Amino acid sequence: GVDGLWQLAGFYLPWLGDEVTGRTLAVVGMGRIGKSMVAKATGFDMDVLCHSSRGSAALSGYVESVQRVMHLREREGLSSRRQTIEAVSLEDALRRADFVSLHVPLLAATRGLIDAKRVAAMKPGSVLLNFARDAIVDEAGGDPRYELTTRPGRDYNNLQPRVGFNWRPQTSGEGIGGLLTG
């Protein structure tokens, strides 16, 4: 496809974006915002992996409801493919997802939740999207296999730079950055 053409040409145009249809999104934190992210991913025909600190059993009714919506969309011709959704462990989500989206509150248990060890466990080429507080991602891990950059903007709840949307491969300046693996 087009992605292969640009790779063969030896350059990448980030404004073209990455195709998300058929890719897998892991949503870490299944509160109101995490569930909203699942709804958006469903609309883009993505497969979804859900992780909640309360465990997979706590998500069973929600996962079943979203599965019914996904199957209805397919039956009615509103999706381009059969989608899946599963409740999984954090480790499984990191290992399998193309995109990992963080939506957890900052608590003692979530501070440093994503560290160098967990980043190293992520699927090669995957992208981490941190929509939570900065302290959820341990930037001091120093693992040379990934780069972490921030975009301009402030998190006014703790007055620290925020990690924002993430692009692959890394681009310079222009307010675009992120955590890149692989």
C-alpha atoms as a PDB file:
ATOM      1  CA  GLY A   1       0.000   0.000   0.000  1.00  0.00           C
ATOM      2  CA  VAL A   2       0.880   3.627   0.355  1.00  0.00           C
ATOM      3  CA  ASP A   3       2.799   3.018   3.611  1.00  0.00           C
ATOM      4  CA  GLY A   4       5.141   0.624   1.817  1.00  0.00           C
ATOM      5  CA  LEU A   5       5.605   3.109  -1.019  1.00  0.00           C
ATOM      6  CA  TRP A   6       6.681   5.862   1.373  1.00  0.00           C
ATOM      7  CA  GLN A   7       9.006   3.462   3.189  1.00  0.00           C
ATOM      8  CA  LEU A   8      10.552   2.427  -0.111  1.00  0.00           C
ATOM      9  CA  ALA A   9      11.004   6.065  -1.031  1.00  0.00           C
ATOM     10  CA  GLY A  10      12.965   6.471   2.201  1.00  0.00           C
ATOM     11  CA  PHE A  11      10.843   9.111   3.896  1.00  0.00           C
ATOM     12  CA  TYR A  12       7.734   9.346   6.015  1.00  0.00           C
ATOM     13  CA  LEU A  13       5.089  12.038   5.854  1.00  0.00           C
ATOM     14  CA  PRO A  14       3.509  12.232   9.324  1.00  0.00           C
ATOM     15  CA  TRP A  15       0.563  14.355   8.180  1.00  0.00           C
ATOM     16  CA  LEU A  16      -0.633  11.347   6.182  1.00  0.00           C
ATOM     17  CA  GLY A  17      -1.084   9.592   9.516  1.00  0.00           C
ATOM     18  CA  ASP A  18      -1.156   5.924  10.310  1.00  0.00           C
ATOM     19  CA  GLU A  19      -3.992   3.685   9.198  1.00  0.00           C
ATOM     20  CA  VAL A  20      -5.890   2.524  12.274  1.00  0.00           C
ATOM     21  CA  THR A  21      -8.541   0.284  10.694  1.00  0.00           C
ATOM     22  CA  GLY A  22      -7.740  -3.304  11.551  1.00  0.00           C
ATOM     23  CA  ARG A  23      -5.133  -2.306  14.119  1.00  0.00           C
ATOM     24  CA  THR A  24      -5.367  -3.078  17.825  1.00  0.00           C
ATOM     25  CA  LEU A  25      -5.883  -0.428  20.500  1.00  0.00           C
ATOM     26  CA  ALA A  26      -5.291  -1.209  24.172  1.00  0.00           C
ATOM     27  CA  VAL A  27      -7.204   1.052  26.546  1.00  0.00           C
ATOM     28  CA  VAL A  28      -5.646   1.094  30.010  1.00  0.00           C
ATOM     29  CA  GLY A  29      -8.142   2.510  32.489  1.00  0.00           C
ATOM     30  CA  MET A  30     -11.794   1.781  31.827  1.00  0.00           C
ATOM     31  CA  GLY A  31     -13.522   4.704  33.456  1.00  0.00           C
ATOM     32  CA  ARG A  32     -15.718   7.165  31.580  1.00  0.00           C
ATOM     33  CA  ILE A  33     -12.885   8.453  29.382  1.00  0.00           C
ATOM     34  CA  GLY A  34     -11.487   4.993  28.640  1.00  0.00           C
ATOM     35  CA  LYS A  35     -14.942   3.790  27.579  1.00  0.00           C
ATOM     36  CA  SER A  36     -15.286   6.843  25.343  1.00  0.00           C
ATOM     37  CA  MET A  37     -11.994   5.859  23.680  1.00  0.00           C
ATOM     38  CA  VAL A  38     -13.364   2.341  23.084  1.00  0.00           C
ATOM     39  CA  ALA A  39     -16.418   3.848  21.337  1.00  0.00           C
ATOM     40  CA  LYS A  40     -14.182   5.896  19.061  1.00  0.00           C
ATOM     41  CA  ALA A  41     -11.969   2.894  18.261  1.00  0.00           C
ATOM     42  CA  THR A  42     -15.072   0.887  17.397  1.00  0.00           C
ATOM     43  CA  GLY A  43     -16.052   3.564  14.886  1.00  0.00           C
ATOM     44  CA  PHE A  44     -12.631   3.250  13.249  1.00  0.00           C
ATOM     45  CA  ASP A  45     -12.998  -0.553  12.918  1.00  0.00           C
ATOM     46  CA  MET A  46     -10.209  -1.222  15.403  1.00  0.00           C
ATOM     47  CA  ASP A  47      -9.857  -4.269  17.621  1.00  0.00           C
ATOM     48  CA  VAL A  48      -9.817  -3.337  21.311  1.00  0.00           C
ATOM     49  CA  LEU A  49      -8.026  -4.709  24.362  1.00  0.00           C
ATOM     50  CA  CYS A  50      -9.355  -3.340  27.668  1.00  0.00           C
ATOM     51  CA  HIS A  51      -7.466  -3.312  30.946  1.00  0.00           C
ATOM     52  CA  SER A  52      -8.892  -2.342  34.309  1.00  0.00           C
ATOM     53  CA  SER A  53      -7.178  -2.501  37.672  1.00  0.00           C
ATOM     54  CA  ARG A  54     -10.398  -4.115  38.917  1.00  0.00           C
ATOM     55  CA  GLY A  55      -9.717  -7.163  36.725  1.00  0.00           C
ATOM     56  CA  SER A  56     -11.224  -8.732  33.634  1.00  0.00           C
ATOM     57  CA  ALA A  57     -14.326 -10.010  35.448  1.00  0.00           C
ATOM     58  CA  ALA A  58     -15.343  -6.425  36.272  1.00  0.00           C
ATOM     59  CA  LEU A  59     -15.449  -5.677  32.538  1.00  0.00           C
ATOM     60  CA  SER A  60     -17.342  -8.764  31.358  1.00  0.00           C
ATOM     61  CA  GLY A  61     -20.754  -7.078  30.966  1.00  0.00           C
ATOM     62  CA  TYR A  62     -19.225  -4.067  29.248  1.00  0.00           C
ATOM     63  CA  VAL A  63     -17.171  -6.216  26.848  1.00  0.00           C
ATOM     64  CA  GLU A  64     -20.258  -8.258  25.931  1.00  0.00           C
ATOM     65  CA  SER A  65     -22.220  -5.072  25.187  1.00  0.00           C
ATOM     66  CA  VAL A  66     -19.495  -3.695  22.932  1.00  0.00           C
ATOM     67  CA  GLN A  67     -19.208  -7.077  21.166  1.00  0.00           C
ATOM     68  CA  ARG A  68     -22.927  -6.903  20.347  1.00  0.00           C
ATOM     69  CA  VAL A  69     -22.458  -3.408  18.883  1.00  0.00           C
ATOM     70  CA  MET A  70     -19.456  -4.582  16.845  1.00  0.00           C
ATOM     71  CA  HIS A  71     -21.389  -7.561  15.465  1.00  0.00           C
ATOM     72  CA  LEU A  72     -24.399  -5.357  14.644  1.00  0.00           C
ATOM     73  CA  ARG A  73     -22.159  -2.905  12.782  1.00  0.00           C
ATOM     74  CA  GLU A  74     -20.731  -5.779  10.746  1.00  0.00           C
ATOM     75  CA  ARG A  75     -24.144  -7.324  10.022  1.00  0.00           C
ATOM     76  CA  GLU A  76     -25.554  -3.958   8.903  1.00  0.00           C
ATOM     77  CA  GLY A  77     -22.564  -3.234   6.675  1.00  0.00           C
ATOM     78  CA  LEU A  78     -21.383  -0.354   8.848  1.00  0.00           C
ATOM     79  CA  SER A  79     -17.908  -1.765   9.403  1.00  0.00           C
ATOM     80  CA  SER A  80     -15.286  -2.925   6.973  1.00  0.00           C
ATOM     81  CA  ARG A  81     -14.364  -6.011   8.991  1.00  0.00           C
ATOM     82  CA  ARG A  82     -15.205  -8.179  11.994  1.00  0.00           C
ATOM     83  CA  GLN A  83     -13.908  -6.486  15.131  1.00  0.00           C
ATOM     84  CA  THR A  84     -12.955  -7.976  18.485  1.00  0.00           C
ATOM     85  CA  ILE A  85     -12.829  -6.713  22.053  1.00  0.00           C
ATOM     86  CA  GLU A  86     -11.287  -8.465  25.056  1.00  0.00           C
ATOM     87  CA  ALA A  87     -10.580  -7.700  28.713  1.00  0.00           C
ATOM     88  CA  VAL A  88      -6.905  -8.533  29.291  1.00  0.00           C
ATOM     89  CA  SER A  89      -4.027  -8.094  31.723  1.00  0.00           C
ATOM     90  CA  LEU A  90      -1.788  -5.058  31.361  1.00  0.00           C
ATOM     91  CA  GLU A  91       1.096  -7.248  30.193  1.00  0.00           C
ATOM     92  CA  ASP A  92      -1.062  -8.872  27.504  1.00  0.00           C
ATOM     93  CA  ALA A  93      -2.344  -5.464  26.369  1.00  0.00           C
ATOM     94  CA  LEU A  94       1.188  -4.092  26.015  1.00  0.00           C
ATOM     95  CA  ARG A  95       2.420  -7.188  24.175  1.00  0.00           C
ATOM     96  CA  ARG A  96      -0.429  -7.288  21.626  1.00  0.00           C
ATOM     97  CA  ALA A  97      -1.474  -3.680  20.932  1.00  0.00           C
ATOM     98  CA  ASP A  98      -0.445  -1.428  18.067  1.00  0.00           C
ATOM     99  CA  PHE A  99      -1.556   1.595  20.114  1.00  0.00           C
ATOM    100  CA  VAL A 100      -1.716   1.768  23.927  1.00  0.00           C
ATOM    101  CA  SER A 101      -3.888   4.548  25.324  1.00  0.00           C
ATOM    102  CA  LEU A 102      -3.530   5.453  29.019  1.00  0.00           C
ATOM    103  CA  HIS A 103      -6.570   6.745  30.940  1.00  0.00           C
ATOM    104  CA  VAL A 104      -5.781   6.053  34.600  1.00  0.00           C
ATOM    105  CA  PRO A 105      -5.884   8.432  37.559  1.00  0.00           C
ATOM    106  CA  LEU A 106      -2.649   9.311  39.327  1.00  0.00           C
ATOM    107  CA  LEU A 107      -2.584   7.194  42.477  1.00  0.00           C
ATOM    108  CA  ALA A 108       0.233   5.553  44.406  1.00  0.00           C
ATOM    109  CA  ALA A 109      -0.505   2.326  42.498  1.00  0.00           C
ATOM    110  CA  THR A 110      -0.384   3.992  39.059  1.00  0.00           C
ATOM    111  CA  ARG A 111       2.645   6.263  39.543  1.00  0.00           C
ATOM    112  CA  GLY A 112       5.336   4.875  37.207  1.00  0.00           C
ATOM    113  CA  LEU A 113       2.895   2.260  35.866  1.00  0.00           C
ATOM    114  CA  ILE A 114       4.622   2.370  32.493  1.00  0.00           C
ATOM    115  CA  ASP A 115       8.362   2.011  33.047  1.00  0.00           C
ATOM    116  CA  ALA A 116      11.268   0.911  30.863  1.00  0.00           C
ATOM    117  CA  LYS A 117      10.540  -2.768  31.533  1.00  0.00           C
ATOM    118  CA  ARG A 118       6.933  -2.419  30.380  1.00  0.00           C
ATOM    119  CA  VAL A 119       7.928  -0.337  27.358  1.00  0.00           C
ATOM    120  CA  ALA A 120      10.414  -3.052  26.383  1.00  0.00           C
ATOM    121  CA  ALA A 121       7.541  -5.567  26.575  1.00  0.00           C
ATOM    122  CA  MET A 122       5.463  -3.583  24.074  1.00  0.00           C
ATOM    123  CA  LYS A 123       4.947  -4.833  20.563  1.00  0.00           C
ATOM    124  CA  PRO A 124       7.718  -3.532  18.258  1.00  0.00           C
ATOM    125  CA  GLY A 125       6.540  -0.457  16.361  1.00  0.00           C
ATOM    126  CA  SER A 126       3.674   0.226  18.762  1.00  0.00           C
ATOM    127  CA  VAL A 127       2.789   3.688  20.018  1.00  0.00           C
ATOM    128  CA  LEU A 128       2.007   4.792  23.567  1.00  0.00           C
ATOM    129  CA  LEU A 129      -0.597   7.552  23.956  1.00  0.00           C
ATOM    130  CA  ASN A 130      -0.537   9.059  27.436  1.00  0.00           C
ATOM    131  CA  PHE A 131      -3.802  10.872  28.129  1.00  0.00           C
ATOM    132  CA  ALA A 132      -3.207  10.493  31.872  1.00  0.00           C
ATOM    133  CA  ARG A 133      -0.888  12.385  34.217  1.00  0.00           C
ATOM    134  CA  ASP A 134       2.810  12.539  33.360  1.00  0.00           C
ATOM    135  CA  ALA A 135       3.840  10.537  36.425  1.00  0.00           C
ATOM    136  CA  ILE A 136       2.040   7.467  35.039  1.00  0.00           C
ATOM    137  CA  VAL A 137       4.945   7.068  32.586  1.00  0.00           C
ATOM    138  CA  ASP A 138       8.360   6.745  34.225  1.00  0.00           C
ATOM    139  CA  GLU A 139      10.488   8.854  31.892  1.00  0.00           C
ATOM    140  CA  ALA A 140      13.636   8.293  33.948  1.00  0.00           C
ATOM    141  CA  GLY A 141      13.905   4.659  32.881  1.00  0.00           C
ATOM    142  CA  GLY A 142      16.636   5.583  30.412  1.00  0.00           C
ATOM    143  CA  ASP A 143      16.081   2.595  28.119  1.00  0.00           C
ATOM    144  CA  PRO A 144      17.982   3.406  24.902  1.00  0.00           C
ATOM    145  CA  ARG A 145      15.475   1.436  22.817  1.00  0.00           C
ATOM    146  CA  TYR A 146      12.897   4.203  22.946  1.00  0.00           C
ATOM    147  CA  GLU A 147      12.692   7.948  22.809  1.00  0.00           C
ATOM    148  CA  LEU A 148      10.353  10.033  24.880  1.00  0.00           C
ATOM    149  CA  THR A 149       9.510  13.570  23.920  1.00  0.00           C
ATOM    150  CA  THR A 150       6.763  15.938  24.897  1.00  0.00           C
ATOM    151  CA  ARG A 151       4.635  18.360  22.980  1.00  0.00           C
ATOM    152  CA  PRO A 152       4.067  21.952  23.995  1.00  0.00           C
ATOM    153  CA  GLY A 153       1.245  22.423  26.457  1.00  0.00           C
ATOM    154  CA  ARG A 154       0.782  22.123  30.162  1.00  0.00           C
ATOM    155  CA  ASP A 155      -1.042  19.801  32.474  1.00  0.00           C
ATOM    156  CA  TYR A 156      -2.652  22.430  34.660  1.00  0.00           C
ATOM    157  CA  ASN A 157      -3.467  19.946  37.420  1.00  0.00           C
ATOM    158  CA  ASN A 158       0.195  19.436  38.264  1.00  0.00           C
ATOM    159  CA  LEU A 159       1.936  22.111  36.160  1.00  0.00           C
ATOM    160  CA  GLN A 160       4.219  19.669  34.412  1.00  0.00           C
ATOM    161  CA  PRO A 161       4.764  19.103  30.701  1.00  0.00           C
ATOM    162  CA  ARG A 162       2.318  16.613  29.221  1.00  0.00           C
ATOM    163  CA  VAL A 163       3.105  13.706  26.970  1.00  0.00           C
ATOM    164  CA  GLY A 164       0.739  14.007  24.025  1.00  0.00           C
ATOM    165  CA  PHE A 165      -0.016  12.414  20.713  1.00  0.00           C
ATOM    166  CA  ASN A 166       2.711  10.188  19.438  1.00  0.00           C
ATOM    167  CA  TRP A 167       3.926   9.644  15.924  1.00  0.00           C
ATOM    168  CA  ARG A 168       6.135   7.005  14.370  1.00  0.00           C
ATOM    169  CA  PRO A 169       8.876   7.542  13.332  1.00  0.00           C
ATOM    170  CA  GLN A 170       9.991  10.430  15.524  1.00  0.00           C
ATOM    171  CA  THR A 171       9.594  13.881  13.990  1.00  0.00           C
ATOM    172  CA  SER A 172      11.508  16.951  15.083  1.00  0.00           C
ATOM    173  CA  GLY A 173       9.944  20.043  16.608  1.00  0.00           C
ATOM    174  CA  GLU A 174       6.569  21.134  15.289  1.00  0.00           C
ATOM    175  CA  GLY A 175       4.829  20.139  18.532  1.00  0.00           C
ATOM    176  CA  ILE A 176       4.597  16.453  17.652  1.00  0.00           C
ATOM    177  CA  GLY A 177       6.288  13.809  19.715  1.00  0.00           C
ATOM    178  CA  GLY A 178       5.821  10.719  21.752  1.00  0.00           C
ATOM    179  CA  LEU A 179       6.986   7.399  22.977  1.00  0.00           C
ATOM    180  CA  LEU A 180       8.165   5.215  20.155  1.00  0.00           C
ATOM    181  CA  THR A 181       9.025   1.557  20.476  1.00  0.00           C
ATOM    182  CA  GLY A 182      10.784  -0.911  18.240  1.00  0.00           C
END
